[in-house]
Amino acid sequence: MCGIFGVTGLQNAAELTYLGLYSLQHRGQESAGIVSIDEAGATHARREMGLVSEIFSPDTLRDLPGSLAIGHTRYSTAGSSVLANAQPAVVNYHAGPLVLAHNGNLTNARELRDDLVRKGSIFQSTSDSEALIHLIARSDARNVEDQLLDALERAEGAYTLLLSVGKTLYAIVDPRGFRPLVMGKLGDGWVLGSETCALDIVGATLVREIQPGQWLKIEDGEVIDLPDLAPKRHRRCVFELIYFSRPDSIVFGESVDRVRRELGRQLAREHPAPGADCVFSVPDSSNAMALGFAEESGLPLEHGLIRNHYVGRTFIDPGQTDRMAKVRIKFNTVRHVIEGQKVVVVDDSIVRGTTSKLLIQMIRQAGAREVHMRIASPPITGPCLYGIDTPTWDELIAANQSVDEIRDHLTVDSLGYLSLEGTLEAAGGDPARFCHACFSGDYPTPVPGRSRSSKEPALID
């Protein structure tokens, strides 16, 4: 998962982009970058490994002049966690400098890369995003937009893009619309970002969400809608609403906070915990879910776990060893709340099971009489191919164990997952518009490089 942010038509574009990336830090913690374009059309770049706050200072931002800037926060789904893969990417292009920031994952990246290498392309990174740049550069089309279209027609999977050529800014969402992108107005300029919380921090007014298959350009202050990409069935990632997006954002036209509260209410209806004394969340992404569970069940909502906010999100940390160490310092129990109680612990999901098992051990050590775990999403039985770091079936506990086996592994007294139907109902709108492949195995694109087994999904095109 990545966060992207762009500004055009405002003289302090880099400073605003810094703020926007700060709001999108939850979407990627490995690297961050900002590329600005000055009045003469020259690019100025700063890309480093680490957090936004560690990379940028007033001095570095002053070295990024211009009224157009594109920013990116990254964690790796395709390509290793090294500086060469940090974005935005910058290349020399016949129509001016080309700057690209990508959120998503190309499912045919290996096929594209192999073909491009055979034709003489030389890659400088292992990121799937670089394949797009080579496709654009090799297009035989005459104008920039036709070259972009040529490249996009060969790309499969998830690609939400901010891209500039010279001083023209483009915003593109793939035809299935896996990842979000919103546009706002700020003074005489325009702002685009992965979530509305990034517009809020700079004081921009939300104008619209870029819909699946839409692409537009902003040139000389004017927003121009370009012809839609070839239509495909919409598949918005429901996990954006369950986990990734910030609760103060509007994503896919839905309040993330509202959806998460409703997920908790539906969970309480499907898996009540009679006789329990209290309910609490695994903070922070499941806070609203625990609130909804408490409201529906009539149980008191408590703060049984306290999160240390100076530790990053364990799920999106790329190293398993680092993930386990961080769990131990990320949470602490409130013994006064837990000791002697029958507790309901609400979490948004279980991916590998590492975090959950350690948390249950801590809750038991704090003196809980019973521990009932409730998960506000279905079991994750397959990897996401579209930008979430669940690369193999082997890593997913629910792909290899039954619910009863997971319950025993976690050492909880009961375990309940929200149904897929309940999840989609809580998400709002038409359930058919969501991608839920990680839960259902209903992949909207072919699964590359896999031979099917009983635990692997059918290919659905």
Foldseek 3Di string as FASTA:
>chain_A
DKKKKKKADAFLGLVLRLLLVLQQCLVAFFKKKKWAAAPVLDIDIFIDTGGSVVGDDPVSSVSHTHRIMMMMHDFDPWFDRDRQPTDQDWDQAPQGIKTKDKFKFFLCLVVLVVVLVVVPDDDRTRGSVVSLVSQLRPDPDDDNVVSNLSSLVPTDFWTFMWMDGRNKIKTAGAQQRAFWKWKFDDVLMIMMIRWCVSCVSSPTHTDGIQHHQWMWMADPSDIGTDDGRDHDFHAYALVCLLARPDQPTQTPNHRSLQLLLLLLLLLCVVDPDPPFAAEEEPDDSNRSSRVSVCVNRVHHYDHFKDFDPVAHDLQSDPDPVVSLVSLVVGIAGDLVVAAAGAYEYEYAAAFQLSSLLVVLVRSVVSHHPAYEYEYSAAQQLADDNIRGNPNGNVRGPVVPDPLVVSCVSSVHPYYYYRDHVSSLVSSDDDSSNHDPCRRVVADCAARPPDDDDPSHHDGHD
